[in-house]
Amino acid sequence: MITNRWLSKTLVLPLTLALSACFAQDASIASTGSAAPKEDARTDIAKMPADADPALWVVKDEDTTIYLFGTVHILKPGMTWFDEAVKDAFDGSDELVIEMIAPDDAGMAKLISEIAIDKTGVKLRDKLSAEDRADYEKALKSLNLPPEAFDPLDPWFASVNLALLPLMQKGYDGNNGVEDALKADAEARNVNIIGLETAEQQLGFFDNLPEDVQIRFLNFTVDTVDELVEGMDHMVAEWANANVDGLAELMNAGLEEKILYDTLLADRNANWALWVKERMKQPGNIFLAVGAGHLAGADSLQQKLDDLGIKSERIEY
């Protein structure tokens, strides 16, 4: 199973964004759970630039400035992104806001045992149809895992583990994400760090999904396990190129099932927009860093802010 330390760095929507990147490489989950034809969802693979310049926005009034920066929680070593306008904005901020401040390993282990481990006594594989079970066991074998590896887990958490393993095997490093660099710099400067959500909330977003939705989520991860790394590479390249429309396309392709889209993206953006609105009442400079998918598409954080009468401006650099 993925370690608690690794999970705490890749939890929930940043992970789902990674999954969405690979969803767009194959097919999208429809509201009935059926898959669209592969050729309809395939997108051109983005090329990684020599120097990453991710998109950055700002919201400001007379005495408050809030930068909006989209992150990727897991990266391969060697990428340069923490420079130019991003570094300038961060250095000029006196508060870092991220999605979640993770508990320590012991705290995360306790949460997982309480939330992500099945309490019914029914093994995960026994919840799958015969055909889906065969495909699932084949996917585990391809990752050198025994068929019973995730039997105690809820379907959504098995999907998390199944999606992260190929990325880890291909060089993605959970200790090399954007938040790691931001937090390290903030701690070195004694900058205040706060989280928009708790670990309990983020685990709950998935755990509270109906079991049939969780199983479709797992089945789709199984179906695309061979394309996860290519999909993640695509997503990171779109982020590095500041291609917001490309990220939105990946996001929409991956979360076409309404309950997933609302729970993991739209509703959270609406809540965060309200947080920004309240924070604008206090003076200061804030660097707000959330998963890049939250800053792309029709229900982006910027759009939710616009709905509240708060305008954001893209910083070109």
C-alpha atoms as a PDB file:
ATOM      1  CA  MET A   1       0.000   0.000   0.000  1.00  0.00           C
ATOM      2  CA  ILE A   2       1.081   3.593  -0.567  1.00  0.00           C
ATOM      3  CA  THR A   3       2.797   4.980   2.521  1.00  0.00           C
ATOM      4  CA  ASN A   4       0.917   7.477   4.655  1.00  0.00           C
ATOM      5  CA  ARG A   5       3.616  10.086   4.012  1.00  0.00           C
ATOM      6  CA  TRP A   6       3.197   9.690   0.256  1.00  0.00           C
ATOM      7  CA  LEU A   7      -0.579   9.737   0.437  1.00  0.00           C
ATOM      8  CA  SER A   8      -0.632  12.894   2.517  1.00  0.00           C
ATOM      9  CA  LYS A   9       1.205  14.731  -0.267  1.00  0.00           C
ATOM     10  CA  THR A  10      -0.998  13.533  -3.110  1.00  0.00           C
ATOM     11  CA  LEU A  11      -4.444  13.298  -1.621  1.00  0.00           C
ATOM     12  CA  VAL A  12      -7.746  13.823  -3.332  1.00  0.00           C
ATOM     13  CA  LEU A  13      -8.116  16.404  -6.120  1.00  0.00           C
ATOM     14  CA  PRO A  14      -4.446  16.872  -6.976  1.00  0.00           C
ATOM     15  CA  LEU A  15      -4.472  13.112  -7.347  1.00  0.00           C
ATOM     16  CA  THR A  16      -7.735  13.210  -9.254  1.00  0.00           C
ATOM     17  CA  LEU A  17      -6.218  15.750 -11.607  1.00  0.00           C
ATOM     18  CA  ALA A  18      -3.434  13.292 -12.279  1.00  0.00           C
ATOM     19  CA  LEU A  19      -6.051  10.634 -12.914  1.00  0.00           C
ATOM     20  CA  SER A  20      -7.970  13.029 -15.134  1.00  0.00           C
ATOM     21  CA  ALA A  21      -4.922  13.475 -17.305  1.00  0.00           C
ATOM     22  CA  CYS A  22      -4.928   9.785 -18.040  1.00  0.00           C
ATOM     23  CA  PHE A  23      -8.713   9.665 -18.331  1.00  0.00           C
ATOM     24  CA  ALA A  24      -8.393  12.069 -21.240  1.00  0.00           C
ATOM     25  CA  GLN A  25      -5.980   9.689 -22.905  1.00  0.00           C
ATOM     26  CA  ASP A  26      -8.608   6.987 -23.159  1.00  0.00           C
ATOM     27  CA  ALA A  27     -12.275   7.629 -22.412  1.00  0.00           C
ATOM     28  CA  SER A  28     -14.431   9.589 -20.035  1.00  0.00           C
ATOM     29  CA  ILE A  29     -16.866   8.269 -17.464  1.00  0.00           C
ATOM     30  CA  ALA A  30     -20.405   9.139 -18.484  1.00  0.00           C
ATOM     31  CA  SER A  31     -23.236   9.541 -16.016  1.00  0.00           C
ATOM     32  CA  THR A  32     -24.280   5.968 -16.701  1.00  0.00           C
ATOM     33  CA  GLY A  33     -20.763   4.687 -16.139  1.00  0.00           C
ATOM     34  CA  SER A  34     -20.281   3.826 -19.811  1.00  0.00           C
ATOM     35  CA  ALA A  35     -17.137   4.862 -21.685  1.00  0.00           C
ATOM     36  CA  ALA A  36     -17.007   7.056 -24.756  1.00  0.00           C
ATOM     37  CA  PRO A  37     -15.080   5.836 -27.811  1.00  0.00           C
ATOM     38  CA  LYS A  38     -11.353   6.203 -27.359  1.00  0.00           C
ATOM     39  CA  GLU A  39     -10.868   8.360 -30.420  1.00  0.00           C
ATOM     40  CA  ASP A  40     -13.367  10.928 -29.096  1.00  0.00           C
ATOM     41  CA  ALA A  41     -11.441  11.637 -25.895  1.00  0.00           C
ATOM     42  CA  ARG A  42      -7.859  11.416 -27.108  1.00  0.00           C
ATOM     43  CA  THR A  43      -5.927  14.655 -27.040  1.00  0.00           C
ATOM     44  CA  ASP A  44      -2.572  15.589 -28.501  1.00  0.00           C
ATOM     45  CA  ILE A  45       0.297  14.990 -26.100  1.00  0.00           C
ATOM     46  CA  ALA A  46       1.824  18.254 -24.885  1.00  0.00           C
ATOM     47  CA  LYS A  47       5.586  18.700 -25.001  1.00  0.00           C
ATOM     48  CA  MET A  48       7.521  19.533 -21.855  1.00  0.00           C
ATOM     49  CA  PRO A  49       9.224  22.957 -22.138  1.00  0.00           C
ATOM     50  CA  ALA A  50      12.855  23.449 -21.199  1.00  0.00           C
ATOM     51  CA  ASP A  51      11.763  25.980 -18.569  1.00  0.00           C
ATOM     52  CA  ALA A  52       8.401  25.596 -16.840  1.00  0.00           C
ATOM     53  CA  ASP A  53       6.358  28.788 -16.459  1.00  0.00           C
ATOM     54  CA  PRO A  54       3.030  27.794 -14.871  1.00  0.00           C
ATOM     55  CA  ALA A  55       0.094  30.177 -14.919  1.00  0.00           C
ATOM     56  CA  LEU A  56      -0.342  32.755 -12.165  1.00  0.00           C
ATOM     57  CA  TRP A  57      -3.225  35.096 -11.325  1.00  0.00           C
ATOM     58  CA  VAL A  58      -3.800  37.878  -8.819  1.00  0.00           C
ATOM     59  CA  VAL A  59      -6.800  39.318  -6.985  1.00  0.00           C
ATOM     60  CA  LYS A  60      -6.289  42.651  -5.269  1.00  0.00           C
ATOM     61  CA  ASP A  61      -7.871  45.691  -3.725  1.00  0.00           C
ATOM     62  CA  GLU A  62      -6.441  48.722  -1.891  1.00  0.00           C
ATOM     63  CA  ASP A  63      -4.719  46.762   0.878  1.00  0.00           C
ATOM     64  CA  THR A  64      -4.987  43.064   0.023  1.00  0.00           C
ATOM     65  CA  THR A  65      -3.273  41.017  -2.671  1.00  0.00           C
ATOM     66  CA  ILE A  66      -3.988  37.316  -3.192  1.00  0.00           C
ATOM     67  CA  TYR A  67      -2.000  35.396  -5.784  1.00  0.00           C
ATOM     68  CA  LEU A  68      -3.624  32.283  -7.265  1.00  0.00           C
ATOM     69  CA  PHE A  69      -1.212  29.565  -8.335  1.00  0.00           C
ATOM     70  CA  GLY A  70      -2.016  26.097  -9.668  1.00  0.00           C
ATOM     71  CA  THR A  71       0.113  23.252  -8.343  1.00  0.00           C
ATOM     72  CA  VAL A  72       1.086  19.692  -9.163  1.00  0.00           C
ATOM     73  CA  HIS A  73       1.742  17.604  -6.068  1.00  0.00           C
ATOM     74  CA  ILE A  74       3.989  15.021  -7.687  1.00  0.00           C
ATOM     75  CA  LEU A  75       6.767  15.814 -10.126  1.00  0.00           C
ATOM     76  CA  LYS A  76       9.872  14.205 -11.502  1.00  0.00           C
ATOM     77  CA  PRO A  77      13.156  15.654 -10.244  1.00  0.00           C
ATOM     78  CA  GLY A  78      14.836  18.426 -12.176  1.00  0.00           C
ATOM     79  CA  MET A  79      11.955  20.704 -13.163  1.00  0.00           C
ATOM     80  CA  THR A  80      12.490  24.447 -12.855  1.00  0.00           C
ATOM     81  CA  TRP A  81       9.308  26.372 -12.079  1.00  0.00           C
ATOM     82  CA  PHE A  82       9.964  28.253  -8.826  1.00  0.00           C
ATOM     83  CA  ASP A  83      11.431  31.390 -10.404  1.00  0.00           C
ATOM     84  CA  GLU A  84      10.524  34.574 -12.261  1.00  0.00           C
ATOM     85  CA  ALA A  85       7.023  35.928 -11.521  1.00  0.00           C
ATOM     86  CA  VAL A  86       6.079  32.947  -9.345  1.00  0.00           C
ATOM     87  CA  LYS A  87       9.063  33.437  -7.036  1.00  0.00           C
ATOM     88  CA  ASP A  88       8.570  37.201  -6.983  1.00  0.00           C
ATOM     89  CA  ALA A  89       4.924  36.814  -5.979  1.00  0.00           C
ATOM     90  CA  PHE A  90       5.780  34.245  -3.342  1.00  0.00           C
ATOM     91  CA  ASP A  91       8.641  36.290  -1.898  1.00  0.00           C
ATOM     92  CA  GLY A  92       6.312  39.272  -1.628  1.00  0.00           C
ATOM     93  CA  SER A  93       3.677  37.313   0.315  1.00  0.00           C
ATOM     94  CA  ASP A  94       3.367  37.022   4.075  1.00  0.00           C
ATOM     95  CA  GLU A  95       1.048  34.012   4.102  1.00  0.00           C
ATOM     96  CA  LEU A  96       0.947  30.700   2.209  1.00  0.00           C
ATOM     97  CA  VAL A  97      -2.440  29.066   1.739  1.00  0.00           C
ATOM     98  CA  ILE A  98      -2.602  25.463   0.503  1.00  0.00           C
ATOM     99  CA  GLU A  99      -5.342  22.876   0.218  1.00  0.00           C
ATOM    100  CA  MET A 100      -4.412  20.921   3.314  1.00  0.00           C
ATOM    101  CA  ILE A 101      -1.795  20.733   6.029  1.00  0.00           C
ATOM    102  CA  ALA A 102      -1.273  17.001   6.379  1.00  0.00           C
ATOM    103  CA  PRO A 103      -1.128  15.279   9.753  1.00  0.00           C
ATOM    104  CA  ASP A 104       1.959  13.287  10.672  1.00  0.00           C
ATOM    105  CA  ASP A 105       2.298   9.667   9.586  1.00  0.00           C
ATOM    106  CA  ALA A 106       0.649   8.337  12.732  1.00  0.00           C
ATOM    107  CA  GLY A 107      -2.266  10.712  12.357  1.00  0.00           C
ATOM    108  CA  MET A 108      -2.727   9.826   8.693  1.00  0.00           C
ATOM    109  CA  ALA A 109      -2.563   6.103   9.482  1.00  0.00           C
ATOM    110  CA  LYS A 110      -5.314   6.551  12.057  1.00  0.00           C
ATOM    111  CA  LEU A 111      -7.480   8.458   9.583  1.00  0.00           C
ATOM    112  CA  ILE A 112      -6.992   5.835   6.892  1.00  0.00           C
ATOM    113  CA  SER A 113      -7.928   3.031   9.246  1.00  0.00           C
ATOM    114  CA  GLU A 114     -11.066   4.917  10.238  1.00  0.00           C
ATOM    115  CA  ILE A 115     -12.157   6.098   6.803  1.00  0.00           C
ATOM    116  CA  ALA A 116     -10.533   4.153   3.966  1.00  0.00           C
ATOM    117  CA  ILE A 117     -10.668   0.605   5.308  1.00  0.00           C
ATOM    118  CA  ASP A 118     -13.882  -1.330   4.595  1.00  0.00           C
ATOM    119  CA  LYS A 119     -15.893  -2.074   7.720  1.00  0.00           C
ATOM    120  CA  THR A 120     -18.465  -4.440   6.188  1.00  0.00           C
ATOM    121  CA  GLY A 121     -16.209  -7.491   6.038  1.00  0.00           C
ATOM    122  CA  VAL A 122     -16.778  -7.827   2.277  1.00  0.00           C
ATOM    123  CA  LYS A 123     -13.518  -8.072   0.349  1.00  0.00           C
ATOM    124  CA  LEU A 124     -12.997  -5.516  -2.391  1.00  0.00           C
ATOM    125  CA  ARG A 125     -12.710  -8.147  -5.138  1.00  0.00           C
ATOM    126  CA  ASP A 126     -16.030  -9.636  -4.061  1.00  0.00           C
ATOM    127  CA  LYS A 127     -17.716  -6.307  -4.797  1.00  0.00           C
ATOM    128  CA  LEU A 128     -16.676  -6.498  -8.457  1.00  0.00           C
ATOM    129  CA  SER A 129     -18.361  -8.341 -11.295  1.00  0.00           C
ATOM    130  CA  ALA A 130     -16.547 -11.406 -12.599  1.00  0.00           C
ATOM    131  CA  GLU A 131     -15.254  -9.515 -15.641  1.00  0.00           C
ATOM    132  CA  ASP A 132     -14.193  -6.442 -13.651  1.00  0.00           C
ATOM    133  CA  ARG A 133     -12.511  -8.635 -11.058  1.00  0.00           C
ATOM    134  CA  ALA A 134     -10.470 -10.384 -13.714  1.00  0.00           C
ATOM    135  CA  ASP A 135      -9.345  -7.059 -15.163  1.00  0.00           C
ATOM    136  CA  TYR A 136      -8.560  -5.741 -11.690  1.00  0.00           C
ATOM    137  CA  GLU A 137      -6.420  -8.741 -10.765  1.00  0.00           C
ATOM    138  CA  LYS A 138      -4.609  -8.458 -14.091  1.00  0.00           C
ATOM    139  CA  ALA A 139      -3.805  -4.815 -13.330  1.00  0.00           C
ATOM    140  CA  LEU A 140      -2.431  -5.734  -9.910  1.00  0.00           C
ATOM    141  CA  LYS A 141      -0.273  -8.432 -11.456  1.00  0.00           C
ATOM    142  CA  SER A 142       1.129  -5.912 -13.959  1.00  0.00           C
ATOM    143  CA  LEU A 143       2.316  -3.878 -10.967  1.00  0.00           C
ATOM    144  CA  ASN A 144       3.800  -6.947  -9.254  1.00  0.00           C
ATOM    145  CA  LEU A 145       1.108  -6.970  -6.585  1.00  0.00           C
ATOM    146  CA  PRO A 146      -0.747 -10.032  -5.267  1.00  0.00           C
ATOM    147  CA  PRO A 147      -4.477 -10.198  -6.079  1.00  0.00           C
ATOM    148  CA  GLU A 148      -5.437  -9.720  -2.435  1.00  0.00           C
ATOM    149  CA  ALA A 149      -3.270  -6.598  -2.020  1.00  0.00           C
ATOM    150  CA  PHE A 150      -6.146  -4.127  -1.625  1.00  0.00           C
ATOM    151  CA  ASP A 151      -8.900  -6.455  -0.424  1.00  0.00           C
ATOM    152  CA  PRO A 152      -9.430  -4.585   2.883  1.00  0.00           C
ATOM    153  CA  LEU A 153      -9.769  -1.183   1.191  1.00  0.00           C
ATOM    154  CA  ASP A 154     -12.759   0.822   0.060  1.00  0.00           C
ATOM    155  CA  PRO A 155     -12.925   0.996  -3.762  1.00  0.00           C
ATOM    156  CA  TRP A 156     -11.919   4.662  -3.939  1.00  0.00           C
ATOM    157  CA  PHE A 157      -8.786   4.094  -1.867  1.00  0.00           C
ATOM    158  CA  ALA A 158      -7.797   1.075  -3.916  1.00  0.00           C
ATOM    159  CA  SER A 159      -8.114   3.312  -6.964  1.00  0.00           C
ATOM    160  CA  VAL A 160      -5.821   5.891  -5.343  1.00  0.00           C
ATOM    161  CA  ASN A 161      -3.177   3.272  -4.647  1.00  0.00           C
ATOM    162  CA  LEU A 162      -3.515   1.683  -8.077  1.00  0.00           C
ATOM    163  CA  ALA A 163      -3.109   5.040  -9.798  1.00  0.00           C
ATOM    164  CA  LEU A 164      -0.088   6.214  -7.821  1.00  0.00           C
ATOM    165  CA  LEU A 165       2.029   3.081  -8.092  1.00  0.00           C
ATOM    166  CA  PRO A 166       2.824   3.357 -11.827  1.00  0.00           C
ATOM    167  CA  LEU A 167       3.794   7.000 -11.361  1.00  0.00           C
ATOM    168  CA  MET A 168       6.166   6.136  -8.542  1.00  0.00           C
ATOM    169  CA  GLN A 169       7.693   3.360 -10.610  1.00  0.00           C
ATOM    170  CA  LYS A 170       8.372   5.800 -13.447  1.00  0.00           C
ATOM    171  CA  GLY A 171      10.174   8.439 -11.430  1.00  0.00           C
ATOM    172  CA  TYR A 172       7.465  10.671  -9.998  1.00  0.00           C
ATOM    173  CA  ASP A 173       8.473  11.703  -6.512  1.00  0.00           C
ATOM    174  CA  GLY A 174       5.997  12.513  -3.765  1.00  0.00           C
ATOM    175  CA  ASN A 175       8.693  14.483  -1.974  1.00  0.00           C
ATOM    176  CA  ASN A 176       9.278  16.676  -5.028  1.00  0.00           C
ATOM    177  CA  GLY A 177       5.905  18.346  -5.465  1.00  0.00           C
ATOM    178  CA  VAL A 178       5.161  22.032  -5.771  1.00  0.00           C
ATOM    179  CA  GLU A 179       3.821  22.282  -2.232  1.00  0.00           C
ATOM    180  CA  ASP A 180       7.051  20.802  -0.858  1.00  0.00           C
ATOM    181  CA  ALA A 181       9.081  23.656  -2.320  1.00  0.00           C
ATOM    182  CA  LEU A 182       6.585  26.322  -1.282  1.00  0.00           C
ATOM    183  CA  LYS A 183       6.294  25.015   2.279  1.00  0.00           C
ATOM    184  CA  ALA A 184      10.059  24.662   2.681  1.00  0.00           C
ATOM    185  CA  ASP A 185      10.607  28.247   1.557  1.00  0.00           C
ATOM    186  CA  ALA A 186       7.749  29.527   3.727  1.00  0.00           C
ATOM    187  CA  GLU A 187       9.067  27.720   6.797  1.00  0.00           C
ATOM    188  CA  ALA A 188      12.555  29.083   6.193  1.00  0.00           C
ATOM    189  CA  ARG A 189      11.135  32.620   6.183  1.00  0.00           C
ATOM    190  CA  ASN A 190       8.730  31.971   9.071  1.00  0.00           C
ATOM    191  CA  VAL A 191       5.795  32.674   6.774  1.00  0.00           C
ATOM    192  CA  ASN A 192       2.403  31.614   8.136  1.00  0.00           C
ATOM    193  CA  ILE A 193       0.986  28.496   6.432  1.00  0.00           C
ATOM    194  CA  ILE A 194      -2.703  27.598   6.560  1.00  0.00           C
ATOM    195  CA  GLY A 195      -4.885  24.937   4.954  1.00  0.00           C
ATOM    196  CA  LEU A 196      -8.246  25.431   3.287  1.00  0.00           C
ATOM    197  CA  GLU A 197      -9.396  21.921   4.235  1.00  0.00           C
ATOM    198  CA  THR A 198      -8.545  19.175   6.710  1.00  0.00           C
ATOM    199  CA  ALA A 199      -7.329  15.670   5.949  1.00  0.00           C
ATOM    200  CA  GLU A 200     -10.646  14.363   7.295  1.00  0.00           C
ATOM    201  CA  GLN A 201     -12.520  16.496   4.772  1.00  0.00           C
ATOM    202  CA  GLN A 202     -10.363  15.457   1.855  1.00  0.00           C
ATOM    203  CA  LEU A 203     -10.620  11.763   2.643  1.00  0.00           C
ATOM    204  CA  GLY A 204     -14.332  12.234   3.135  1.00  0.00           C
ATOM    205  CA  PHE A 205     -14.848  13.668  -0.343  1.00  0.00           C
ATOM    206  CA  PHE A 206     -14.059  10.261  -1.797  1.00  0.00           C
ATOM    207  CA  ASP A 207     -15.300   8.105   1.053  1.00  0.00           C
ATOM    208  CA  ASN A 208     -18.769   9.675   0.971  1.00  0.00           C
ATOM    209  CA  LEU A 209     -19.254   8.869  -2.712  1.00  0.00           C
ATOM    210  CA  PRO A 210     -21.832   6.112  -3.302  1.00  0.00           C
ATOM    211  CA  GLU A 211     -20.153   2.734  -3.559  1.00  0.00           C
ATOM    212  CA  ASP A 212     -21.280   2.207  -7.153  1.00  0.00           C
ATOM    213  CA  VAL A 213     -19.534   5.454  -8.123  1.00  0.00           C
ATOM    214  CA  GLN A 214     -16.406   4.376  -6.253  1.00  0.00           C
ATOM    215  CA  ILE A 215     -16.429   1.062  -8.120  1.00  0.00           C
ATOM    216  CA  ARG A 216     -16.792   2.791 -11.500  1.00  0.00           C
ATOM    217  CA  PHE A 217     -13.901   5.023 -10.469  1.00  0.00           C
ATOM    218  CA  LEU A 218     -11.829   1.950  -9.651  1.00  0.00           C
ATOM    219  CA  ASN A 219     -12.818   0.137 -12.846  1.00  0.00           C
ATOM    220  CA  PHE A 220     -11.813   3.107 -14.943  1.00  0.00           C
ATOM    221  CA  THR A 221      -8.454   3.327 -13.219  1.00  0.00           C
ATOM    222  CA  VAL A 222      -7.967  -0.362 -13.967  1.00  0.00           C
ATOM    223  CA  ASP A 223      -8.893   0.158 -17.616  1.00  0.00           C
ATOM    224  CA  THR A 224      -6.359   2.987 -17.999  1.00  0.00           C
ATOM    225  CA  VAL A 225      -3.554   1.766 -15.740  1.00  0.00           C
ATOM    226  CA  ASP A 226      -1.202   1.320 -18.712  1.00  0.00           C
ATOM    227  CA  GLU A 227      -1.758   4.947 -19.736  1.00  0.00           C
ATOM    228  CA  LEU A 228      -1.424   6.603 -16.337  1.00  0.00           C
ATOM    229  CA  VAL A 229       2.183   7.690 -16.757  1.00  0.00           C
ATOM    230  CA  GLU A 230       1.636   9.084 -20.254  1.00  0.00           C
ATOM    231  CA  GLY A 231      -1.422  10.915 -18.998  1.00  0.00           C
ATOM    232  CA  MET A 232       0.439  12.375 -16.043  1.00  0.00           C
ATOM    233  CA  ASP A 233       3.287  13.466 -18.328  1.00  0.00           C
ATOM    234  CA  HIS A 234       0.687  15.211 -20.496  1.00  0.00           C
ATOM    235  CA  MET A 235      -0.901  16.987 -17.563  1.00  0.00           C
ATOM    236  CA  VAL A 236       2.433  18.181 -16.165  1.00  0.00           C
ATOM    237  CA  ALA A 237       3.463  19.477 -19.588  1.00  0.00           C
ATOM    238  CA  GLU A 238       0.220  21.446 -19.946  1.00  0.00           C
ATOM    239  CA  TRP A 239       0.824  22.905 -16.480  1.00  0.00           C
ATOM    240  CA  ALA A 240       4.437  23.758 -17.286  1.00  0.00           C
ATOM    241  CA  ASN A 241       3.356  25.467 -20.528  1.00  0.00           C
ATOM    242  CA  ALA A 242       0.656  27.464 -18.690  1.00  0.00           C
ATOM    243  CA  ASN A 243      -1.893  25.973 -21.068  1.00  0.00           C
ATOM    244  CA  VAL A 244      -4.997  26.597 -18.987  1.00  0.00           C
ATOM    245  CA  ASP A 245      -7.374  25.512 -21.751  1.00  0.00           C
ATOM    246  CA  GLY A 246      -5.463  22.248 -22.105  1.00  0.00           C
ATOM    247  CA  LEU A 247      -5.726  21.606 -18.378  1.00  0.00           C
ATOM    248  CA  ALA A 248      -9.443  22.361 -18.493  1.00  0.00           C
ATOM    249  CA  GLU A 249      -9.881  19.864 -21.312  1.00  0.00           C
ATOM    250  CA  LEU A 250      -8.138  17.165 -19.294  1.00  0.00           C
ATOM    251  CA  MET A 251     -10.152  18.031 -16.208  1.00  0.00           C
ATOM    252  CA  ASN A 252     -13.483  17.932 -17.986  1.00  0.00           C
ATOM    253  CA  ALA A 253     -12.631  14.654 -19.678  1.00  0.00           C
ATOM    254  CA  GLY A 254     -11.785  13.060 -16.362  1.00  0.00           C
ATOM    255  CA  LEU A 255     -14.726  14.247 -14.278  1.00  0.00           C
ATOM    256  CA  GLU A 256     -17.742  13.994 -16.534  1.00  0.00           C
ATOM    257  CA  GLU A 257     -19.686  12.071 -13.927  1.00  0.00           C
ATOM    258  CA  LYS A 258     -21.577  14.878 -12.213  1.00  0.00           C
ATOM    259  CA  ILE A 259     -21.161  13.712  -8.628  1.00  0.00           C
ATOM    260  CA  LEU A 260     -17.390  13.491  -9.080  1.00  0.00           C
ATOM    261  CA  TYR A 261     -17.220  16.857 -10.821  1.00  0.00           C
ATOM    262  CA  ASP A 262     -19.300  18.631  -8.188  1.00  0.00           C
ATOM    263  CA  THR A 263     -17.740  16.944  -5.161  1.00  0.00           C
ATOM    264  CA  LEU A 264     -14.104  17.154  -6.186  1.00  0.00           C
ATOM    265  CA  LEU A 265     -14.063  20.365  -8.196  1.00  0.00           C
ATOM    266  CA  ALA A 266     -17.012  22.755  -8.485  1.00  0.00           C
ATOM    267  CA  ASP A 267     -18.268  22.710  -4.887  1.00  0.00           C
ATOM    268  CA  ARG A 268     -14.780  23.089  -3.447  1.00  0.00           C
ATOM    269  CA  ASN A 269     -14.022  26.015  -5.743  1.00  0.00           C
ATOM    270  CA  ALA A 270     -17.225  27.715  -4.608  1.00  0.00           C
ATOM    271  CA  ASN A 271     -16.207  27.259  -0.960  1.00  0.00           C
ATOM    272  CA  TRP A 272     -12.710  28.562  -1.608  1.00  0.00           C
ATOM    273  CA  ALA A 273     -14.101  31.602  -3.429  1.00  0.00           C
ATOM    274  CA  LEU A 274     -16.054  32.459  -0.296  1.00  0.00           C
ATOM    275  CA  TRP A 275     -12.837  32.081   1.714  1.00  0.00           C
ATOM    276  CA  VAL A 276     -11.059  34.508  -0.627  1.00  0.00           C
ATOM    277  CA  LYS A 277     -13.929  36.979  -0.375  1.00  0.00           C
ATOM    278  CA  GLU A 278     -13.669  36.976   3.419  1.00  0.00           C
ATOM    279  CA  ARG A 279      -9.868  37.168   3.351  1.00  0.00           C
ATOM    280  CA  MET A 280     -10.012  40.225   1.115  1.00  0.00           C
ATOM    281  CA  LYS A 281     -11.494  42.114   4.060  1.00  0.00           C
ATOM    282  CA  GLN A 282      -8.119  41.901   5.832  1.00  0.00           C
ATOM    283  CA  PRO A 283      -4.936  43.581   4.606  1.00  0.00           C
ATOM    284  CA  GLY A 284      -1.949  41.516   3.524  1.00  0.00           C
ATOM    285  CA  ASN A 285      -0.268  39.613   0.709  1.00  0.00           C
ATOM    286  CA  ILE A 286      -1.284  35.979   0.325  1.00  0.00           C
ATOM    287  CA  PHE A 287       0.032  33.252  -1.968  1.00  0.00           C
ATOM    288  CA  LEU A 288      -2.797  30.746  -2.503  1.00  0.00           C
ATOM    289  CA  ALA A 289      -1.630  27.494  -4.106  1.00  0.00           C
ATOM    290  CA  VAL A 290      -4.155  24.785  -5.024  1.00  0.00           C
ATOM    291  CA  GLY A 291      -4.289  21.971  -7.554  1.00  0.00           C
ATOM    292  CA  ALA A 292      -3.958  23.344 -11.083  1.00  0.00           C
ATOM    293  CA  GLY A 293      -7.282  21.852 -12.141  1.00  0.00           C
ATOM    294  CA  HIS A 294      -9.055  24.221  -9.771  1.00  0.00           C
ATOM    295  CA  LEU A 295      -7.831  27.185 -11.821  1.00  0.00           C
ATOM    296  CA  ALA A 296      -9.054  25.909 -15.180  1.00  0.00           C
ATOM    297  CA  GLY A 297     -12.424  25.437 -16.840  1.00  0.00           C
ATOM    298  CA  ALA A 298     -15.956  26.757 -16.522  1.00  0.00           C
ATOM    299  CA  ASP A 299     -16.178  26.221 -12.753  1.00  0.00           C
ATOM    300  CA  SER A 300     -12.678  27.416 -11.929  1.00  0.00           C
ATOM    301  CA  LEU A 301     -11.893  29.302  -8.754  1.00  0.00           C
ATOM    302  CA  GLN A 302     -11.495  32.443 -10.849  1.00  0.00           C
ATOM    303  CA  GLN A 303     -15.000  31.992 -12.270  1.00  0.00           C
ATOM    304  CA  LYS A 304     -16.465  31.396  -8.826  1.00  0.00           C
ATOM    305  CA  LEU A 305     -14.767  34.592  -7.676  1.00  0.00           C
ATOM    306  CA  ASP A 306     -16.155  36.426 -10.687  1.00  0.00           C
ATOM    307  CA  ASP A 307     -19.624  35.198  -9.695  1.00  0.00           C
ATOM    308  CA  LEU A 308     -19.040  36.964  -6.361  1.00  0.00           C
ATOM    309  CA  GLY A 309     -17.988  40.154  -8.109  1.00  0.00           C
ATOM    310  CA  ILE A 310     -14.261  39.606  -7.533  1.00  0.00           C
ATOM    311  CA  LYS A 311     -12.081  39.943 -10.603  1.00  0.00           C
ATOM    312  CA  SER A 312      -8.840  38.032 -11.087  1.00  0.00           C
ATOM    313  CA  GLU A 313      -6.084  39.044 -13.472  1.00  0.00           C
ATOM    314  CA  ARG A 314      -3.653  36.726 -15.256  1.00  0.00           C
ATOM    315  CA  ILE A 315      -0.018  37.713 -14.694  1.00  0.00           C
ATOM    316  CA  GLU A 316       1.893  37.391 -17.939  1.00  0.00           C
ATOM    317  CA  TYR A 317       5.599  36.603 -17.669  1.00  0.00           C
END
